[in-house]
Amino acid sequence: AGELINALANEYQTPILPVDSEHSAIFQCLEMQNSLEKI
């Protein structure tokens, strides 16, 4: 239910921090000011 979870998180202003090693890695590599092409 990713779409539903994202909508709820936006509505309640709740941060979702990834714990999976792969998604945590992506999260740590992101740059707020630059758009990514792919992961």
Full PDB file with SEQRES, HELIX, SHEET, SSBOND, CRYST1, ORIGX, SCALE, CONECT and MASTER records, all heavy atoms in Angstrom:
SEQRES   1 A   39  ALA GLY GLU LEU ILE ASN ALA LEU ALA ASN GLU TYR GLN          
SEQRES   2 A   39  THR PRO ILE LEU PRO VAL ASP SER GLU HIS SER ALA ILE          
SEQRES   3 A   39  PHE GLN CYS LEU GLU MET GLN ASN SER LEU GLU LYS ILE          
HELIX    1 AA1 GLY A    2  TYR A   12  1                                  11    
HELIX    2 AA2 SER A   21  CYS A   29  1                                   9    
CRYST1    1.000    1.000    1.000  90.00  90.00  90.00 P 1           1          
ORIGX1      1.000000  0.000000  0.000000        0.00000                         
ORIGX2      0.000000  1.000000  0.000000        0.00000                         
ORIGX3      0.000000  0.000000  1.000000        0.00000                         
SCALE1      1.000000  0.000000  0.000000        0.00000                         
SCALE2      0.000000  1.000000  0.000000        0.00000                         
SCALE3      0.000000  0.000000  1.000000        0.00000                         
ATOM      1  N   ALA A   1       0.813  -1.219   0.000  1.00  0.00           N  
ATOM      2  CA  ALA A   1       0.000   0.000   0.000  1.00  0.00           C  
ATOM      3  C   ALA A   1       0.843   1.264   0.000  1.00  0.00           C  
ATOM      4  O   ALA A   1       0.576   2.198   0.756  1.00  0.00           O  
ATOM      5  CB  ALA A   1      -0.937  -0.022   1.216  1.00  0.00           C  
ATOM      6  N   GLY A   2       1.853   1.301  -0.858  1.00  0.00           N  
ATOM      7  CA  GLY A   2       2.766   2.445  -0.870  1.00  0.00           C  
ATOM      8  C   GLY A   2       2.089   3.775  -1.104  1.00  0.00           C  
ATOM      9  O   GLY A   2       2.405   4.776  -0.447  1.00  0.00           O  
ATOM     10  N   GLU A   3       1.134   3.803  -2.034  1.00  0.00           N  
ATOM     11  CA  GLU A   3       0.453   5.069  -2.342  1.00  0.00           C  
ATOM     12  C   GLU A   3      -0.345   5.560  -1.136  1.00  0.00           C  
ATOM     13  O   GLU A   3      -0.331   6.744  -0.800  1.00  0.00           O  
ATOM     14  CB  GLU A   3      -0.464   4.878  -3.550  1.00  0.00           C  
ATOM     15  CG  GLU A   3      -1.044   6.181  -4.074  1.00  0.00           C  
ATOM     16  CD  GLU A   3      -1.720   6.018  -5.426  1.00  0.00           C  
ATOM     17  OE1 GLU A   3      -1.947   4.862  -5.859  1.00  0.00           O  
ATOM     18  OE2 GLU A   3      -2.027   7.047  -6.053  1.00  0.00           O  
ATOM     19  N   LEU A   4      -1.019   4.640  -0.474  1.00  0.00           N  
ATOM     20  CA  LEU A   4      -1.805   4.975   0.710  1.00  0.00           C  
ATOM     21  C   LEU A   4      -0.899   5.447   1.847  1.00  0.00           C  
ATOM     22  O   LEU A   4      -1.192   6.442   2.525  1.00  0.00           O  
ATOM     23  CB  LEU A   4      -2.616   3.753   1.155  1.00  0.00           C  
ATOM     24  CG  LEU A   4      -3.408   3.874   2.462  1.00  0.00           C  
ATOM     25  CD1 LEU A   4      -4.444   4.979   2.363  1.00  0.00           C  
ATOM     26  CD2 LEU A   4      -4.073   2.542   2.798  1.00  0.00           C  
ATOM     27  N   ILE A   5       0.199   4.760   2.065  1.00  0.00           N  
ATOM     28  CA  ILE A   5       1.137   5.129   3.134  1.00  0.00           C  
ATOM     29  C   ILE A   5       1.736   6.504   2.881  1.00  0.00           C  
ATOM     30  O   ILE A   5       1.844   7.337   3.791  1.00  0.00           O  
ATOM     31  CB  ILE A   5       2.251   4.069   3.261  1.00  0.00           C  
ATOM     32  CG1 ILE A   5       1.681   2.746   3.773  1.00  0.00           C  
ATOM     33  CG2 ILE A   5       3.368   4.554   4.184  1.00  0.00           C  
ATOM     34  CD1 ILE A   5       1.078   2.815   5.172  1.00  0.00           C  
ATOM     35  N   ASN A   6       2.120   6.777   1.645  1.00  0.00           N  
ATOM     36  CA  ASN A   6       2.679   8.093   1.321  1.00  0.00           C  
ATOM     37  C   ASN A   6       1.665   9.207   1.539  1.00  0.00           C  
ATOM     38  O   ASN A   6       1.999  10.282   2.038  1.00  0.00           O  
ATOM     39  CB  ASN A   6       3.178   8.118  -0.124  1.00  0.00           C  
ATOM     40  CG  ASN A   6       4.587   7.584  -0.257  1.00  0.00           C  
ATOM     41  OD1 ASN A   6       5.220   7.216   0.726  1.00  0.00           O  
ATOM     42  ND2 ASN A   6       5.086   7.518  -1.476  1.00  0.00           N  
ATOM     43  N   ALA A   7       0.415   8.944   1.162  1.00  0.00           N  
ATOM     44  CA  ALA A   7      -0.637   9.950   1.349  1.00  0.00           C  
ATOM     45  C   ALA A   7      -0.843  10.235   2.838  1.00  0.00           C  
ATOM     46  O   ALA A   7      -0.984  11.400   3.247  1.00  0.00           O  
ATOM     47  CB  ALA A   7      -1.940   9.465   0.707  1.00  0.00           C  
ATOM     48  N   LEU A   8      -0.841   9.163   3.661  1.00  0.00           N  
ATOM     49  CA  LEU A   8      -0.989   9.347   5.105  1.00  0.00           C  
ATOM     50  C   LEU A   8       0.203  10.100   5.692  1.00  0.00           C  
ATOM     51  O   LEU A   8       0.034  11.009   6.520  1.00  0.00           O  
ATOM     52  CB  LEU A   8      -1.107   7.983   5.794  1.00  0.00           C  
ATOM     53  CG  LEU A   8      -2.481   7.325   5.864  1.00  0.00           C  
ATOM     54  CD1 LEU A   8      -2.363   5.957   6.514  1.00  0.00           C  
ATOM     55  CD2 LEU A   8      -3.472   8.201   6.624  1.00  0.00           C  
ATOM     56  N   ALA A   9       1.399   9.728   5.268  1.00  0.00           N  
ATOM     57  CA  ALA A   9       2.601  10.381   5.786  1.00  0.00           C  
ATOM     58  C   ALA A   9       2.612  11.864   5.436  1.00  0.00           C  
ATOM     59  O   ALA A   9       3.016  12.705   6.253  1.00  0.00           O  
ATOM     60  CB  ALA A   9       3.851   9.698   5.229  1.00  0.00           C  
ATOM     61  N   ASN A  10       2.149  12.202   4.249  1.00  0.00           N  
ATOM     62  CA  ASN A  10       2.059  13.617   3.858  1.00  0.00           C  
ATOM     63  C   ASN A  10       0.991  14.344   4.671  1.00  0.00           C  
ATOM     64  O   ASN A  10       1.187  15.484   5.101  1.00  0.00           O  
ATOM     65  CB  ASN A  10       1.747  13.733   2.362  1.00  0.00           C  
ATOM     66  CG  ASN A  10       2.927  13.360   1.490  1.00  0.00           C  
ATOM     67  OD1 ASN A  10       4.079  13.508   1.899  1.00  0.00           O  
ATOM     68  ND2 ASN A  10       2.666  12.867   0.290  1.00  0.00           N  
ATOM     69  N   GLU A  11      -0.139  13.682   4.873  1.00  0.00           N  
ATOM     70  CA  GLU A  11      -1.233  14.301   5.624  1.00  0.00           C  
ATOM     71  C   GLU A  11      -0.832  14.581   7.068  1.00  0.00           C  
ATOM     72  O   GLU A  11      -1.149  15.648   7.614  1.00  0.00           O  
ATOM     73  CB  GLU A  11      -2.461  13.377   5.597  1.00  0.00           C  
ATOM     74  CG  GLU A  11      -3.655  13.932   6.372  1.00  0.00           C  
ATOM     75  CD  GLU A  11      -4.843  12.982   6.389  1.00  0.00           C  
ATOM     76  OE1 GLU A  11      -4.793  11.951   5.664  1.00  0.00           O  
ATOM     77  OE2 GLU A  11      -5.819  13.263   7.121  1.00  0.00           O  
ATOM     78  N   TYR A  12      -0.135  13.649   7.697  1.00  0.00           N  
ATOM     79  CA  TYR A  12       0.216  13.791   9.109  1.00  0.00           C  
ATOM     80  C   TYR A  12       1.645  14.290   9.324  1.00  0.00           C  
ATOM     81  O   TYR A  12       2.108  14.359  10.464  1.00  0.00           O  
ATOM     82  CB  TYR A  12       0.011  12.454   9.827  1.00  0.00           C  
ATOM     83  CG  TYR A  12      -1.445  12.088   9.983  1.00  0.00           C  
ATOM     84  CD1 TYR A  12      -2.078  11.290   9.032  1.00  0.00           C  
ATOM     85  CD2 TYR A  12      -2.201  12.573  11.052  1.00  0.00           C  
ATOM     86  CE1 TYR A  12      -3.430  10.965   9.149  1.00  0.00           C  
ATOM     87  CE2 TYR A  12      -3.545  12.254  11.181  1.00  0.00           C  
ATOM     88  CZ  TYR A  12      -4.160  11.460  10.223  1.00  0.00           C  
ATOM     89  OH  TYR A  12      -5.485  11.140  10.346  1.00  0.00           O  
ATOM     90  N   GLN A  13       2.314  14.642   8.221  1.00  0.00           N  
ATOM     91  CA  GLN A  13       3.676  15.184   8.294  1.00  0.00           C  
ATOM     92  C   GLN A  13       4.596  14.270   9.107  1.00  0.00           C  
ATOM     93  O   GLN A  13       5.298  14.693  10.024  1.00  0.00           O  
ATOM     94  CB  GLN A  13       3.651  16.590   8.897  1.00  0.00           C  
ATOM     95  CG  GLN A  13       2.895  17.617   8.056  1.00  0.00           C  
ATOM     96  CD  GLN A  13       3.561  17.867   6.715  1.00  0.00           C  
ATOM     97  OE1 GLN A  13       4.666  18.365   6.661  1.00  0.00           O  
ATOM     98  NE2 GLN A  13       2.880  17.502   5.626  1.00  0.00           N  
ATOM     99  N   THR A  14       4.552  12.985   8.747  1.00  0.00           N  
ATOM    100  CA  THR A  14       5.316  11.961   9.463  1.00  0.00           C  
ATOM    101  C   THR A  14       6.507  11.499   8.628  1.00  0.00           C  
ATOM    102  O   THR A  14       6.324  11.031   7.499  1.00  0.00           O  
ATOM    103  CB  THR A  14       4.418  10.747   9.774  1.00  0.00           C  
ATOM    104  OG1 THR A  14       3.297  11.177  10.539  1.00  0.00           O  
ATOM    105  CG2 THR A  14       5.183   9.694  10.547  1.00  0.00           C  
ATOM    106  N   PRO A  15       7.726  11.602   9.133  1.00  0.00           N  
ATOM    107  CA  PRO A  15       8.882  11.122   8.372  1.00  0.00           C  
ATOM    108  C   PRO A  15       8.957   9.604   8.360  1.00  0.00           C  
ATOM    109  O   PRO A  15       8.689   8.947   9.363  1.00  0.00           O  
ATOM    110  CB  PRO A  15      10.073  11.721   9.122  1.00  0.00           C  
ATOM    111  CG  PRO A  15       9.572  11.939  10.520  1.00  0.00           C  
ATOM    112  CD  PRO A  15       8.110  12.238  10.404  1.00  0.00           C  
ATOM    113  N   ILE A  16       9.315   9.047   7.195  1.00  0.00           N  
ATOM    114  CA  ILE A  16       9.546   7.621   7.057  1.00  0.00           C  
ATOM    115  C   ILE A  16      11.018   7.422   6.711  1.00  0.00           C  
ATOM    116  O   ILE A  16      11.474   7.844   5.645  1.00  0.00           O  
ATOM    117  CB  ILE A  16       8.651   6.990   5.974  1.00  0.00           C  
ATOM    118  CG1 ILE A  16       7.172   7.146   6.358  1.00  0.00           C  
ATOM    119  CG2 ILE A  16       9.001   5.513   5.783  1.00  0.00           C  
ATOM    120  CD1 ILE A  16       6.200   6.604   5.320  1.00  0.00           C  
ATOM    121  N   LEU A  17      11.769   6.817   7.625  1.00  0.00           N  
ATOM    122  CA  LEU A  17      13.206   6.627   7.452  1.00  0.00           C  
ATOM    123  C   LEU A  17      13.478   5.160   7.128  1.00  0.00           C  
ATOM    124  O   LEU A  17      13.125   4.275   7.914  1.00  0.00           O  
ATOM    125  CB  LEU A  17      13.953   7.021   8.727  1.00  0.00           C  
ATOM    126  CG  LEU A  17      13.672   8.451   9.229  1.00  0.00           C  
ATOM    127  CD1 LEU A  17      14.386   8.696  10.549  1.00  0.00           C  
ATOM    128  CD2 LEU A  17      14.101   9.480   8.193  1.00  0.00           C  
ATOM    129  N   PRO A  18      14.071   4.864   5.966  1.00  0.00           N  
ATOM    130  CA  PRO A  18      14.285   3.469   5.562  1.00  0.00           C  
ATOM    131  C   PRO A  18      15.357   2.775   6.387  1.00  0.00           C  
ATOM    132  O   PRO A  18      16.396   3.353   6.692  1.00  0.00           O  
ATOM    133  CB  PRO A  18      14.707   3.592   4.094  1.00  0.00           C  
ATOM    134  CG  PRO A  18      15.298   4.955   3.979  1.00  0.00           C  
ATOM    135  CD  PRO A  18      14.544   5.820   4.960  1.00  0.00           C  
ATOM    136  N   VAL A  19      15.096   1.521   6.728  1.00  0.00           N  
ATOM    137  CA  VAL A  19      16.052   0.722   7.500  1.00  0.00           C  
ATOM    138  C   VAL A  19      16.690  -0.364   6.639  1.00  0.00           C  
ATOM    139  O   VAL A  19      17.827  -0.764   6.893  1.00  0.00           O  
ATOM    140  CB  VAL A  19      15.374   0.115   8.744  1.00  0.00           C  
ATOM    141  CG1 VAL A  19      16.257  -0.928   9.414  1.00  0.00           C  
ATOM    142  CG2 VAL A  19      15.019   1.221   9.731  1.00  0.00           C  
ATOM    143  N   ASP A  20      15.987  -0.852   5.615  1.00  0.00           N  
ATOM    144  CA  ASP A  20      16.624  -1.799   4.692  1.00  0.00           C  
ATOM    145  C   ASP A  20      17.975  -1.239   4.282  1.00  0.00           C  
ATOM    146  O   ASP A  20      18.086  -0.048   3.966  1.00  0.00           O  
ATOM    147  CB  ASP A  20      15.754  -1.977   3.439  1.00  0.00           C  
ATOM    148  CG  ASP A  20      14.858  -3.192   3.526  1.00  0.00           C  
ATOM    149  OD1 ASP A  20      15.012  -3.973   4.472  1.00  0.00           O  
ATOM    150  OD2 ASP A  20      13.992  -3.349   2.656  1.00  0.00           O  
ATOM    151  N   SER A  21      18.998  -2.074   4.246  1.00  0.00           N  
ATOM    152  CA  SER A  21      20.346  -1.572   3.955  1.00  0.00           C  
ATOM    153  C   SER A  21      20.411  -0.878   2.599  1.00  0.00           C  
ATOM    154  O   SER A  21      21.087   0.137   2.442  1.00  0.00           O  
ATOM    155  CB  SER A  21      21.359  -2.716   4.016  1.00  0.00           C  
ATOM    156  OG  SER A  21      21.085  -3.692   3.032  1.00  0.00           O  
ATOM    157  N   GLU A  22      19.675  -1.409   1.608  1.00  0.00           N  
ATOM    158  CA  GLU A  22      19.699  -0.821   0.273  1.00  0.00           C  
ATOM    159  C   GLU A  22      19.032   0.553   0.260  1.00  0.00           C  
ATOM    160  O   GLU A  22      19.565   1.518  -0.307  1.00  0.00           O  
ATOM    161  CB  GLU A  22      19.009  -1.745  -0.737  1.00  0.00           C  
ATOM    162  CG  GLU A  22      19.730  -3.064  -0.955  1.00  0.00           C  
ATOM    163  CD  GLU A  22      19.397  -4.117   0.099  1.00  0.00           C  
ATOM    164  OE1 GLU A  22      18.630  -3.800   1.042  1.00  0.00           O  
ATOM    165  OE2 GLU A  22      19.901  -5.249  -0.003  1.00  0.00           O  
ATOM    166  N   HIS A  23      17.878   0.661   0.875  1.00  0.00           N  
ATOM    167  CA  HIS A  23      17.167   1.940   0.855  1.00  0.00           C  
ATOM    168  C   HIS A  23      17.821   2.964   1.773  1.00  0.00           C  
ATOM    169  O   HIS A  23      17.801   4.162   1.490  1.00  0.00           O  
ATOM    170  CB  HIS A  23      15.702   1.720   1.228  1.00  0.00           C  
ATOM    171  CG  HIS A  23      14.991   0.816   0.268  1.00  0.00           C  
ATOM    172  ND1 HIS A  23      14.712  -0.486   0.559  1.00  0.00           N  
ATOM    173  CD2 HIS A  23      14.550   1.027  -0.997  1.00  0.00           C  
ATOM    174  CE1 HIS A  23      14.100  -1.040  -0.479  1.00  0.00           C  
ATOM    175  NE2 HIS A  23      14.000  -0.150  -1.433  1.00  0.00           N  
ATOM    176  N   SER A  24      18.402   2.490   2.868  1.00  0.00           N  
ATOM    177  CA  SER A  24      19.177   3.392   3.723  1.00  0.00           C  
ATOM    178  C   SER A  24      20.363   3.937   2.937  1.00  0.00           C  
ATOM    179  O   SER A  24      20.709   5.121   3.042  1.00  0.00           O  
ATOM    180  CB  SER A  24      19.669   2.657   4.972  1.00  0.00           C  
ATOM    181  OG  SER A  24      20.479   3.493   5.768  1.00  0.00           O  
ATOM    182  N   ALA A  25      20.987   3.086   2.124  1.00  0.00           N  
ATOM    183  CA  ALA A  25      22.119   3.525   1.303  1.00  0.00           C  
ATOM    184  C   ALA A  25      21.689   4.610   0.327  1.00  0.00           C  
ATOM    185  O   ALA A  25      22.369   5.636   0.169  1.00  0.00           O  
ATOM    186  CB  ALA A  25      22.708   2.334   0.549  1.00  0.00           C  
ATOM    187  N   ILE A  26      20.553   4.403  -0.345  1.00  0.00           N  
ATOM    188  CA  ILE A  26      20.038   5.410  -1.274  1.00  0.00           C  
ATOM    189  C   ILE A  26      19.745   6.706  -0.537  1.00  0.00           C  
ATOM    190  O   ILE A  26      20.115   7.799  -0.981  1.00  0.00           O  
ATOM    191  CB  ILE A  26      18.758   4.899  -1.967  1.00  0.00           C  
ATOM    192  CG1 ILE A  26      19.034   3.646  -2.791  1.00  0.00           C  
ATOM    193  CG2 ILE A  26      18.129   5.996  -2.825  1.00  0.00           C  
ATOM    194  CD1 ILE A  26      20.016   3.821  -3.910  1.00  0.00           C  
ATOM    195  N   PHE A  27      19.100   6.590   0.608  1.00  0.00           N  
ATOM    196  CA  PHE A  27      18.731   7.751   1.424  1.00  0.00           C  
ATOM    197  C   PHE A  27      19.966   8.559   1.803  1.00  0.00           C  
ATOM    198  O   PHE A  27      19.961   9.789   1.772  1.00  0.00           O  
ATOM    199  CB  PHE A  27      17.996   7.252   2.673  1.00  0.00           C  
ATOM    200  CG  PHE A  27      17.457   8.339   3.560  1.00  0.00           C  
ATOM    201  CD1 PHE A  27      16.491   9.212   3.109  1.00  0.00           C  
ATOM    202  CD2 PHE A  27      17.911   8.480   4.866  1.00  0.00           C  
ATOM    203  CE1 PHE A  27      15.984  10.207   3.925  1.00  0.00           C  
ATOM    204  CE2 PHE A  27      17.418   9.467   5.694  1.00  0.00           C  
ATOM    205  CZ  PHE A  27      16.449  10.334   5.223  1.00  0.00           C  
ATOM    206  N   GLN A  28      21.051   7.861   2.133  1.00  0.00           N  
ATOM    207  CA  GLN A  28      22.283   8.547   2.525  1.00  0.00           C  
ATOM    208  C   GLN A  28      23.006   9.180   1.336  1.00  0.00           C  
ATOM    209  O   GLN A  28      23.774  10.129   1.513  1.00  0.00           O  
ATOM    210  CB  GLN A  28      23.219   7.557   3.229  1.00  0.00           C  
ATOM    211  CG  GLN A  28      22.692   7.064   4.576  1.00  0.00           C  
ATOM    212  CD  GLN A  28      23.601   6.042   5.215  1.00  0.00           C  
ATOM    213  OE1 GLN A  28      24.764   6.324   5.493  1.00  0.00           O  
ATOM    214  NE2 GLN A  28      23.084   4.841   5.457  1.00  0.00           N  
ATOM    215  N   CYS A  29      22.762   8.680   0.137  1.00  0.00           N  
ATOM    216  CA  CYS A  29      23.442   9.203  -1.056  1.00  0.00           C  
ATOM    217  C   CYS A  29      22.710  10.373  -1.707  1.00  0.00           C  
ATOM    218  O   CYS A  29      23.295  11.097  -2.519  1.00  0.00           O  
ATOM    219  CB  CYS A  29      23.604   8.096  -2.097  1.00  0.00           C  
ATOM    220  SG  CYS A  29      24.836   6.837  -1.673  1.00  0.00           S  
ATOM    221  N   LEU A  30      21.440  10.550  -1.402  1.00  0.00           N  
ATOM    222  CA  LEU A  30      20.654  11.608  -2.048  1.00  0.00           C  
ATOM    223  C   LEU A  30      21.211  12.990  -1.737  1.00  0.00           C  
ATOM    224  O   LEU A  30      21.743  13.237  -0.665  1.00  0.00           O  
ATOM    225  CB  LEU A  30      19.191  11.529  -1.616  1.00  0.00           C  
ATOM    226  CG  LEU A  30      18.391  10.309  -2.084  1.00  0.00           C  
ATOM    227  CD1 LEU A  30      17.002  10.336  -1.484  1.00  0.00           C  
ATOM    228  CD2 LEU A  30      18.306  10.274  -3.603  1.00  0.00           C  
ATOM    229  N   GLU A  31      21.046  13.887  -2.702  1.00  0.00           N  
ATOM    230  CA  GLU A  31      21.415  15.289  -2.532  1.00  0.00           C  
ATOM    231  C   GLU A  31      20.155  16.124  -2.732  1.00  0.00           C  
ATOM    232  O   GLU A  31      19.509  16.050  -3.787  1.00  0.00           O  
ATOM    233  CB  GLU A  31      22.492  15.697  -3.543  1.00  0.00           C  
ATOM    234  CG  GLU A  31      23.792  14.945  -3.361  1.00  0.00           C  
ATOM    235  CD  GLU A  31      24.808  15.241  -4.445  1.00  0.00           C  
ATOM    236  OE1 GLU A  31      24.463  16.009  -5.382  1.00  0.00           O  
ATOM    237  OE2 GLU A  31      25.938  14.726  -4.354  1.00  0.00           O  
ATOM    238  N   MET A  32      19.799  16.893  -1.728  1.00  0.00           N  
ATOM    239  CA  MET A  32      18.536  17.628  -1.748  1.00  0.00           C  
ATOM    240  C   MET A  32      18.418  18.563  -2.956  1.00  0.00           C  
ATOM    241  O   MET A  32      17.352  18.744  -3.522  1.00  0.00           O  
ATOM    242  CB  MET A  32      18.383  18.438  -0.458  1.00  0.00           C  
ATOM    243  CG  MET A  32      18.261  17.595   0.792  1.00  0.00           C  
ATOM    244  SD  MET A  32      16.802  16.511   0.776  1.00  0.00           S  
ATOM    245  CE  MET A  32      15.499  17.736   0.853  1.00  0.00           C  
ATOM    246  N   GLN A  33      19.546  19.145  -3.370  1.00  0.00           N  
ATOM    247  CA  GLN A  33      19.493  20.168  -4.411  1.00  0.00           C  
ATOM    248  C   GLN A  33      19.660  19.605  -5.819  1.00  0.00           C  
ATOM    249  O   GLN A  33      19.520  20.342  -6.792  1.00  0.00           O  
ATOM    250  CB  GLN A  33      20.564  21.241  -4.148  1.00  0.00           C  
ATOM    251  CG  GLN A  33      22.006  20.780  -4.368  1.00  0.00           C  
ATOM    252  CD  GLN A  33      22.597  20.081  -3.145  1.00  0.00           C  
ATOM    253  OE1 GLN A  33      21.859  19.573  -2.308  1.00  0.00           O  
ATOM    254  NE2 GLN A  33      23.915  20.079  -3.040  1.00  0.00           N  
ATOM    255  N   ASN A  34      19.943  18.328  -5.952  1.00  0.00           N  
ATOM    256  CA  ASN A  34      20.197  17.755  -7.273  1.00  0.00           C  
ATOM    257  C   ASN A  34      19.275  16.578  -7.555  1.00  0.00           C  
ATOM    258  O   ASN A  34      19.091  15.705  -6.711  1.00  0.00           O  
ATOM    259  CB  ASN A  34      21.652  17.288  -7.382  1.00  0.00           C  
ATOM    260  CG  ASN A  34      22.628  18.444  -7.393  1.00  0.00           C  
ATOM    261  OD1 ASN A  34      22.434  19.407  -8.132  1.00  0.00           O  
ATOM    262  ND2 ASN A  34      23.659  18.377  -6.561  1.00  0.00           N  
ATOM    263  N   SER A  35      18.717  16.562  -8.774  1.00  0.00           N  
ATOM    264  CA  SER A  35      17.812  15.491  -9.170  1.00  0.00           C  
ATOM    265  C   SER A  35      18.608  14.260  -9.594  1.00  0.00           C  
ATOM    266  O   SER A  35      19.626  14.377 -10.267  1.00  0.00           O  
ATOM    267  CB  SER A  35      16.933  15.947 -10.333  1.00  0.00           C  
ATOM    268  OG  SER A  35      16.130  17.048  -9.954  1.00  0.00           O  
ATOM    269  N   LEU A  36      18.103  13.095  -9.213  1.00  0.00           N  
ATOM    270  CA  LEU A  36      18.781  11.870  -9.628  1.00  0.00           C  
ATOM    271  C   LEU A  36      18.229  11.375 -10.954  1.00  0.00           C  
ATOM    272  O   LEU A  36      17.113  11.714 -11.355  1.00  0.00           O  
ATOM    273  CB  LEU A  36      18.666  10.797  -8.550  1.00  0.00           C  
ATOM    274  CG  LEU A  36      17.270  10.344  -8.091  1.00  0.00           C  
ATOM    275  CD1 LEU A  36      16.661   9.335  -9.033  1.00  0.00           C  
ATOM    276  CD2 LEU A  36      17.351   9.759  -6.695  1.00  0.00           C  
ATOM    277  N   GLU A  37      19.021  10.599 -11.646  1.00  0.00           N  
ATOM    278  CA  GLU A  37      18.596   9.993 -12.903  1.00  0.00           C  
ATOM    279  C   GLU A  37      18.038   8.605 -12.664  1.00  0.00           C  
ATOM    280  O   GLU A  37      17.032   8.214 -13.236  1.00  0.00           O  
ATOM    281  CB  GLU A  37      19.771   9.935 -13.876  1.00  0.00           C  
ATOM    282  CG  GLU A  37      19.388   9.462 -15.271  1.00  0.00           C  
ATOM    283  CD  GLU A  37      20.476   9.768 -16.289  1.00  0.00           C  
ATOM    284  OE1 GLU A  37      20.735  10.959 -16.534  1.00  0.00           O  
ATOM    285  OE2 GLU A  37      21.059   8.807 -16.818  1.00  0.00           O  
ATOM    286  N   LYS A  38      18.713   7.852 -11.806  1.00  0.00           N  
ATOM    287  CA  LYS A  38      18.218   6.530 -11.446  1.00  0.00           C  
ATOM    288  C   LYS A  38      18.902   6.080 -10.167  1.00  0.00           C  
ATOM    289  O   LYS A  38      19.883   6.693  -9.712  1.00  0.00           O  
ATOM    290  CB  LYS A  38      18.497   5.512 -12.551  1.00  0.00           C  
ATOM    291  CG  LYS A  38      19.970   5.196 -12.786  1.00  0.00           C  
ATOM    292  CD  LYS A  38      20.141   4.135 -13.871  1.00  0.00           C  
ATOM    293  CE  LYS A  38      21.614   3.824 -14.121  1.00  0.00           C  
ATOM    294  NZ  LYS A  38      21.805   2.803 -15.169  1.00  0.00           N  
ATOM    295  N   ILE A  39      18.368   5.010  -9.577  1.00  0.00           N  
ATOM    296  CA  ILE A  39      19.036   4.382  -8.438  1.00  0.00           C  
ATOM    297  C   ILE A  39      19.420   2.967  -8.844  1.00  0.00           C  
ATOM    298  O   ILE A  39      18.806   2.369  -9.742  1.00  0.00           O  
ATOM    299  CB  ILE A  39      18.163   4.362  -7.169  1.00  0.00           C  
ATOM    300  CG1 ILE A  39      16.934   3.463  -7.355  1.00  0.00           C  
ATOM    301  CG2 ILE A  39      17.762   5.764  -6.757  1.00  0.00           C  
ATOM    302  CD1 ILE A  39      16.165   3.215  -6.074  1.00  0.00           C  
TER     303      ILE A  39                                                      
MASTER        0    0    0    2    0    0    0    6  302    1    0    3          
END                                                                             
